[in-house]
Amino acid sequence: MSQENNINYWIETADYDLETARAMLVAGRYLYVGFMCHQTAEKVLKAYYVYKLRDVPPYIHNLSHLARKAELYDSLSEQQRDLLDTLEPLNIEARYPTHKDKIMQSLSEERCRRIIEETEDFFIWIKTKLTEK
């Protein structure tokens, strides 16, 4: 797969996941809003990794670690770093019963709306960076 195709793959799947997060919000499936926003951030970071390093992104899910490996973390605003910190437990920990209930209690409709909006802003920001020379 060419570098351009690889980047497009990650962007297209990130976009699909963001649309899925919106659908989960409408359905009231708040745990999955968080999970899909995490997936969106992870995939757009992997697109940037391919763009920046011209290599296959690592098989990791930790967003801050991925941003560091992609040489992007230092460019993130405090709000973007906070978003990654918010999304981090919504990936793996949300799958386990001991964490699931606690996470579900923290995800109101309003909080999920904000998470989607911030994820969308993050997604757009990285997409614009993919066009920089």
N, C-alpha and C. Protein backbone atom coordinates (compact mmCIF):
# COMPACT_ATOMS: atom_id res chain seq x y z
N MET A 1 0.85 -1.17 0.00
CA MET A 1 0.00 0.00 0.00
C MET A 1 0.90 1.24 0.00
N SER A 2 0.60 2.19 -0.86
CA SER A 2 1.39 3.41 -0.92
C SER A 2 1.16 4.25 0.34
N GLN A 3 2.06 5.18 0.58
CA GLN A 3 1.93 6.04 1.75
C GLN A 3 0.61 6.81 1.69
N GLU A 4 0.28 7.35 0.53
CA GLU A 4 -0.96 8.11 0.39
C GLU A 4 -2.18 7.23 0.66
N ASN A 5 -2.18 6.02 0.14
CA ASN A 5 -3.29 5.10 0.39
C ASN A 5 -3.39 4.73 1.86
N ASN A 6 -2.23 4.56 2.50
CA ASN A 6 -2.21 4.22 3.92
C ASN A 6 -2.79 5.37 4.75
N ILE A 7 -2.39 6.58 4.44
CA ILE A 7 -2.93 7.75 5.15
C ILE A 7 -4.43 7.85 4.92
N ASN A 8 -4.86 7.68 3.67
CA ASN A 8 -6.29 7.75 3.36
C ASN A 8 -7.08 6.67 4.09
N TYR A 9 -6.51 5.48 4.21
CA TYR A 9 -7.17 4.41 4.96
C TYR A 9 -7.45 4.85 6.39
N TRP A 10 -6.41 5.38 7.06
CA TRP A 10 -6.58 5.79 8.46
C TRP A 10 -7.57 6.94 8.58
N ILE A 11 -7.54 7.89 7.66
CA ILE A 11 -8.47 9.03 7.71
C ILE A 11 -9.90 8.56 7.47
N GLU A 12 -10.10 7.72 6.48
CA GLU A 12 -11.45 7.23 6.17
C GLU A 12 -12.04 6.42 7.32
N THR A 13 -11.23 5.57 7.94
CA THR A 13 -11.75 4.78 9.06
C THR A 13 -11.98 5.65 10.29
N ALA A 14 -11.15 6.68 10.47
CA ALA A 14 -11.37 7.61 11.58
C ALA A 14 -12.68 8.38 11.37
N ASP A 15 -12.93 8.79 10.14
CA ASP A 15 -14.17 9.50 9.82
C ASP A 15 -15.38 8.61 10.07
N TYR A 16 -15.28 7.35 9.67
CA TYR A 16 -16.36 6.38 9.90
C TYR A 16 -16.62 6.22 11.40
N ASP A 17 -15.54 6.14 12.18
CA ASP A 17 -15.69 5.98 13.63
C ASP A 17 -16.32 7.22 14.27
N LEU A 18 -15.99 8.40 13.76
CA LEU A 18 -16.60 9.63 14.28
C LEU A 18 -18.09 9.66 13.97
N GLU A 19 -18.46 9.23 12.78
CA GLU A 19 -19.89 9.14 12.44
C GLU A 19 -20.59 8.11 13.34
N THR A 20 -19.91 7.04 13.64
CA THR A 20 -20.47 6.02 14.53
C THR A 20 -20.67 6.59 15.93
N ALA A 21 -19.71 7.41 16.40
CA ALA A 21 -19.85 8.06 17.71
C ALA A 21 -21.11 8.93 17.73
N ARG A 22 -21.34 9.66 16.65
CA ARG A 22 -22.54 10.50 16.58
C ARG A 22 -23.81 9.65 16.62
N ALA A 23 -23.79 8.53 15.92
CA ALA A 23 -24.95 7.63 15.92
C ALA A 23 -25.18 7.05 17.32
N MET A 24 -24.11 6.75 18.02
CA MET A 24 -24.23 6.21 19.37
C MET A 24 -24.78 7.26 20.34
N LEU A 25 -24.45 8.53 20.09
CA LEU A 25 -25.01 9.61 20.92
C LEU A 25 -26.52 9.67 20.74
N VAL A 26 -26.98 9.62 19.51
CA VAL A 26 -28.41 9.65 19.21
C VAL A 26 -29.11 8.45 19.86
N ALA A 27 -28.45 7.31 19.86
CA ALA A 27 -29.03 6.09 20.43
C ALA A 27 -28.91 6.04 21.95
N GLY A 28 -28.20 7.00 22.53
CA GLY A 28 -28.02 6.99 23.98
C GLY A 28 -27.03 5.95 24.47
N ARG A 29 -26.16 5.50 23.59
CA ARG A 29 -25.15 4.49 23.94
C ARG A 29 -23.84 5.20 24.26
N TYR A 30 -23.82 5.86 25.41
CA TYR A 30 -22.75 6.78 25.75
C TYR A 30 -21.38 6.12 25.90
N LEU A 31 -21.34 4.91 26.40
CA LEU A 31 -20.07 4.21 26.53
C LEU A 31 -19.41 4.06 25.16
N TYR A 32 -20.22 3.81 24.15
CA TYR A 32 -19.69 3.60 22.81
C TYR A 32 -19.36 4.93 22.11
N VAL A 33 -19.96 6.02 22.56
CA VAL A 33 -19.54 7.34 22.08
C VAL A 33 -18.08 7.53 22.44
N GLY A 34 -17.75 7.28 23.69
CA GLY A 34 -16.38 7.43 24.14
C GLY A 34 -15.42 6.49 23.43
N PHE A 35 -15.84 5.25 23.29
CA PHE A 35 -14.99 4.26 22.63
C PHE A 35 -14.71 4.66 21.18
N MET A 36 -15.74 5.10 20.47
CA MET A 36 -15.56 5.46 19.06
C MET A 36 -14.77 6.76 18.91
N CYS A 37 -14.89 7.67 19.86
CA CYS A 37 -14.07 8.87 19.81
C CYS A 37 -12.60 8.51 20.04
N HIS A 38 -12.35 7.57 20.94
CA HIS A 38 -10.98 7.09 21.13
C HIS A 38 -10.46 6.49 19.83
N GLN A 39 -11.27 5.68 19.18
CA GLN A 39 -10.86 5.06 17.92
C GLN A 39 -10.56 6.13 16.86
N THR A 40 -11.38 7.17 16.82
CA THR A 40 -11.17 8.26 15.87
C THR A 40 -9.82 8.92 16.11
N ALA A 41 -9.55 9.27 17.36
CA ALA A 41 -8.28 9.93 17.69
C ALA A 41 -7.10 9.02 17.39
N GLU A 42 -7.23 7.75 17.74
CA GLU A 42 -6.14 6.81 17.48
C GLU A 42 -5.84 6.70 15.99
N LYS A 43 -6.86 6.60 15.19
CA LYS A 43 -6.66 6.41 13.75
C LYS A 43 -6.14 7.67 13.07
N VAL A 44 -6.58 8.83 13.49
CA VAL A 44 -6.06 10.04 12.88
C VAL A 44 -4.61 10.26 13.31
N LEU A 45 -4.27 9.86 14.53
CA LEU A 45 -2.87 9.91 14.95
C LEU A 45 -2.02 8.95 14.14
N LYS A 46 -2.57 7.80 13.81
CA LYS A 46 -1.83 6.84 12.99
C LYS A 46 -1.66 7.37 11.56
N ALA A 47 -2.65 8.09 11.06
CA ALA A 47 -2.50 8.72 9.74
C ALA A 47 -1.35 9.72 9.79
N TYR A 48 -1.30 10.51 10.85
CA TYR A 48 -0.23 11.49 10.98
C TYR A 48 1.12 10.79 11.13
N TYR A 49 1.16 9.70 11.86
CA TYR A 49 2.40 8.92 12.01
C TYR A 49 2.93 8.49 10.64
N VAL A 50 2.05 7.96 9.81
CA VAL A 50 2.45 7.54 8.46
C VAL A 50 2.95 8.74 7.66
N TYR A 51 2.23 9.85 7.75
CA TYR A 51 2.61 11.08 7.03
C TYR A 51 3.98 11.58 7.48
N LYS A 52 4.17 11.65 8.78
CA LYS A 52 5.38 12.25 9.33
C LYS A 52 6.60 11.33 9.22
N LEU A 53 6.43 10.05 9.54
CA LEU A 53 7.56 9.14 9.64
C LEU A 53 7.70 8.18 8.47
N ARG A 54 6.71 8.20 7.59
CA ARG A 54 6.74 7.33 6.41
C ARG A 54 6.98 5.87 6.78
N ASP A 55 6.23 5.43 7.78
CA ASP A 55 6.39 4.07 8.28
C ASP A 55 5.03 3.57 8.76
N VAL A 56 4.96 2.28 8.98
CA VAL A 56 3.74 1.67 9.50
C VAL A 56 3.60 2.07 10.97
N PRO A 57 2.42 2.54 11.37
CA PRO A 57 2.27 2.96 12.76
C PRO A 57 2.34 1.77 13.71
N PRO A 58 2.78 2.02 14.93
CA PRO A 58 2.90 0.92 15.90
C PRO A 58 1.52 0.40 16.31
N TYR A 59 1.51 -0.83 16.74
CA TYR A 59 0.28 -1.48 17.21
C TYR A 59 0.06 -1.13 18.68
N ILE A 60 -0.23 0.14 18.92
CA ILE A 60 -0.49 0.61 20.28
C ILE A 60 -1.80 1.39 20.28
N HIS A 61 -2.37 1.53 21.48
CA HIS A 61 -3.65 2.22 21.61
C HIS A 61 -3.57 3.43 22.55
N ASN A 62 -2.43 3.59 23.23
CA ASN A 62 -2.24 4.70 24.13
C ASN A 62 -2.05 5.97 23.30
N LEU A 63 -2.99 6.89 23.41
CA LEU A 63 -3.02 8.05 22.53
C LEU A 63 -1.84 9.00 22.76
N SER A 64 -1.52 9.29 24.00
CA SER A 64 -0.39 10.18 24.28
C SER A 64 0.92 9.57 23.79
N HIS A 65 1.08 8.29 24.03
CA HIS A 65 2.28 7.59 23.57
C HIS A 65 2.36 7.61 22.04
N LEU A 66 1.24 7.39 21.39
CA LEU A 66 1.19 7.42 19.93
C LEU A 66 1.52 8.82 19.40
N ALA A 67 0.99 9.85 20.06
CA ALA A 67 1.29 11.23 19.65
C ALA A 67 2.78 11.53 19.81
N ARG A 68 3.38 11.00 20.86
CA ARG A 68 4.83 11.20 21.05
C ARG A 68 5.61 10.48 19.96
N LYS A 69 5.24 9.25 19.68
CA LYS A 69 5.95 8.48 18.65
C LYS A 69 5.81 9.14 17.27
N ALA A 70 4.69 9.81 17.05
CA ALA A 70 4.46 10.50 15.77
C ALA A 70 5.10 11.89 15.75
N GLU A 71 5.79 12.22 16.84
CA GLU A 71 6.46 13.52 16.96
C GLU A 71 5.47 14.68 16.88
N LEU A 72 4.32 14.49 17.51
CA LEU A 72 3.25 15.49 17.47
C LEU A 72 2.90 16.02 18.85
N TYR A 73 3.22 15.28 19.90
CA TYR A 73 2.75 15.60 21.25
C TYR A 73 3.11 17.03 21.67
N ASP A 74 4.34 17.46 21.38
CA ASP A 74 4.77 18.79 21.80
C ASP A 74 4.01 19.91 21.07
N SER A 75 3.37 19.59 19.96
CA SER A 75 2.58 20.57 19.22
C SER A 75 1.13 20.65 19.69
N LEU A 76 0.73 19.73 20.54
CA LEU A 76 -0.66 19.71 21.01
C LEU A 76 -0.91 20.82 22.01
N SER A 77 -2.10 21.40 21.94
CA SER A 77 -2.51 22.38 22.93
C SER A 77 -2.85 21.64 24.23
N GLU A 78 -2.99 22.40 25.29
CA GLU A 78 -3.39 21.81 26.58
C GLU A 78 -4.76 21.14 26.44
N GLN A 79 -5.66 21.76 25.70
CA GLN A 79 -7.00 21.20 25.50
C GLN A 79 -6.91 19.87 24.75
N GLN A 80 -6.05 19.80 23.75
CA GLN A 80 -5.89 18.55 22.99
C GLN A 80 -5.27 17.46 23.86
N ARG A 81 -4.32 17.82 24.69
CA ARG A 81 -3.74 16.84 25.62
C ARG A 81 -4.79 16.35 26.61
N ASP A 82 -5.61 17.29 27.09
CA ASP A 82 -6.70 16.90 27.99
C ASP A 82 -7.67 15.95 27.31
N LEU A 83 -7.95 16.20 26.03
CA LEU A 83 -8.84 15.30 25.28
C LEU A 83 -8.25 13.90 25.24
N LEU A 84 -6.97 13.79 24.93
CA LEU A 84 -6.34 12.46 24.89
C LEU A 84 -6.44 11.78 26.24
N ASP A 85 -6.24 12.55 27.31
CA ASP A 85 -6.36 11.99 28.67
C ASP A 85 -7.79 11.54 28.97
N THR A 86 -8.76 12.29 28.46
CA THR A 86 -10.17 11.93 28.64
C THR A 86 -10.51 10.66 27.88
N LEU A 87 -10.01 10.56 26.66
CA LEU A 87 -10.35 9.41 25.81
C LEU A 87 -9.63 8.13 26.22
N GLU A 88 -8.46 8.27 26.82
CA GLU A 88 -7.63 7.11 27.10
C GLU A 88 -8.36 5.97 27.82
N PRO A 89 -9.03 6.24 28.94
CA PRO A 89 -9.70 5.12 29.64
C PRO A 89 -10.95 4.60 28.92
N LEU A 90 -11.40 5.31 27.91
CA LEU A 90 -12.62 4.91 27.20
C LEU A 90 -12.37 3.81 26.17
N ASN A 91 -11.13 3.41 25.99
CA ASN A 91 -10.79 2.36 25.05
C ASN A 91 -10.77 1.00 25.75
N ILE A 92 -9.75 0.72 26.47
CA ILE A 92 -9.56 -0.60 27.08
C ILE A 92 -10.38 -0.77 28.35
N GLU A 93 -10.29 0.21 29.26
CA GLU A 93 -10.93 0.06 30.56
C GLU A 93 -12.45 -0.07 30.44
N ALA A 94 -13.02 0.52 29.41
CA ALA A 94 -14.47 0.47 29.24
C ALA A 94 -14.96 -0.94 28.91
N ARG A 95 -14.05 -1.81 28.56
CA ARG A 95 -14.43 -3.18 28.20
C ARG A 95 -14.53 -4.11 29.41
N TYR A 96 -14.05 -3.67 30.55
CA TYR A 96 -14.00 -4.55 31.71
C TYR A 96 -15.03 -4.13 32.74
N PRO A 97 -15.73 -5.11 33.31
CA PRO A 97 -16.85 -4.80 34.21
C PRO A 97 -16.48 -3.93 35.40
N THR A 98 -15.27 -4.08 35.94
CA THR A 98 -14.90 -3.29 37.11
C THR A 98 -14.78 -1.80 36.78
N HIS A 99 -14.51 -1.45 35.55
CA HIS A 99 -14.38 -0.06 35.15
C HIS A 99 -15.61 0.44 34.40
N LYS A 100 -16.31 -0.46 33.76
CA LYS A 100 -17.41 -0.08 32.87
C LYS A 100 -18.48 0.73 33.59
N ASP A 101 -18.92 0.27 34.76
CA ASP A 101 -19.98 0.98 35.47
C ASP A 101 -19.55 2.39 35.87
N LYS A 102 -18.33 2.51 36.36
CA LYS A 102 -17.82 3.83 36.76
C LYS A 102 -17.74 4.76 35.57
N ILE A 103 -17.25 4.26 34.46
CA ILE A 103 -17.14 5.09 33.26
C ILE A 103 -18.52 5.47 32.75
N MET A 104 -19.45 4.53 32.74
CA MET A 104 -20.80 4.83 32.26
C MET A 104 -21.45 5.93 33.08
N GLN A 105 -21.20 5.93 34.39
CA GLN A 105 -21.78 6.97 35.25
C GLN A 105 -21.23 8.35 34.93
N SER A 106 -20.02 8.41 34.38
CA SER A 106 -19.39 9.70 34.09
C SER A 106 -19.78 10.24 32.71
N LEU A 107 -20.50 9.46 31.91
CA LEU A 107 -20.79 9.86 30.54
C LEU A 107 -22.25 10.27 30.36
N SER A 108 -22.50 11.54 30.58
CA SER A 108 -23.84 12.08 30.34
C SER A 108 -23.96 12.45 28.86
N GLU A 109 -25.16 12.75 28.45
CA GLU A 109 -25.37 13.18 27.07
C GLU A 109 -24.56 14.44 26.77
N GLU A 110 -24.59 15.40 27.67
CA GLU A 110 -23.86 16.65 27.46
C GLU A 110 -22.35 16.41 27.39
N ARG A 111 -21.83 15.59 28.28
CA ARG A 111 -20.39 15.29 28.25
C ARG A 111 -20.01 14.60 26.94
N CYS A 112 -20.85 13.69 26.49
CA CYS A 112 -20.58 13.00 25.23
C CYS A 112 -20.61 13.95 24.05
N ARG A 113 -21.51 14.91 24.08
CA ARG A 113 -21.55 15.93 23.01
C ARG A 113 -20.23 16.70 22.96
N ARG A 114 -19.75 17.10 24.15
CA ARG A 114 -18.47 17.83 24.21
C ARG A 114 -17.32 16.96 23.72
N ILE A 115 -17.32 15.69 24.10
CA ILE A 115 -16.24 14.79 23.67
C ILE A 115 -16.25 14.65 22.14
N ILE A 116 -17.43 14.51 21.57
CA ILE A 116 -17.53 14.41 20.11
C ILE A 116 -17.03 15.70 19.46
N GLU A 117 -17.45 16.85 19.97
CA GLU A 117 -17.02 18.13 19.39
C GLU A 117 -15.50 18.28 19.47
N GLU A 118 -14.92 17.96 20.61
CA GLU A 118 -13.47 18.08 20.77
C GLU A 118 -12.74 17.07 19.89
N THR A 119 -13.29 15.88 19.77
CA THR A 119 -12.68 14.87 18.90
C THR A 119 -12.74 15.33 17.45
N GLU A 120 -13.86 15.90 17.05
CA GLU A 120 -13.99 16.40 15.69
C GLU A 120 -12.97 17.53 15.43
N ASP A 121 -12.81 18.44 16.38
CA ASP A 121 -11.83 19.51 16.23
C ASP A 121 -10.42 18.94 16.10
N PHE A 122 -10.11 17.93 16.91
CA PHE A 122 -8.80 17.28 16.87
C PHE A 122 -8.59 16.61 15.52
N PHE A 123 -9.60 15.93 15.04
CA PHE A 123 -9.56 15.25 13.75
C PHE A 123 -9.29 16.26 12.62
N ILE A 124 -10.01 17.36 12.62
CA ILE A 124 -9.84 18.39 11.59
C ILE A 124 -8.45 19.01 11.69
N TRP A 125 -7.99 19.27 12.90
CA TRP A 125 -6.67 19.88 13.10
C TRP A 125 -5.57 18.99 12.51
N ILE A 126 -5.64 17.70 12.81
CA ILE A 126 -4.61 16.81 12.27
C ILE A 126 -4.74 16.70 10.75
N LYS A 127 -5.95 16.65 10.23
CA LYS A 127 -6.13 16.59 8.77
C LYS A 127 -5.49 17.79 8.10
N THR A 128 -5.59 18.96 8.71
CA THR A 128 -4.94 20.13 8.11
C THR A 128 -3.42 20.00 8.16
N LYS A 129 -2.90 19.38 9.20
CA LYS A 129 -1.45 19.17 9.30
C LYS A 129 -0.96 18.20 8.22
N LEU A 130 -1.84 17.35 7.73
CA LEU A 130 -1.45 16.39 6.68
C LEU A 130 -1.22 17.08 5.33
N THR A 131 -1.64 18.32 5.22
CA THR A 131 -1.46 19.05 3.96
C THR A 131 -0.27 19.99 4.02
N GLU A 132 0.36 20.11 5.20
CA GLU A 132 1.51 21.00 5.35
C GLU A 132 2.74 20.37 4.70
N LYS A 133 3.60 21.19 4.23
CA LYS A 133 4.86 20.70 3.63
C LYS A 133 5.97 20.77 4.61
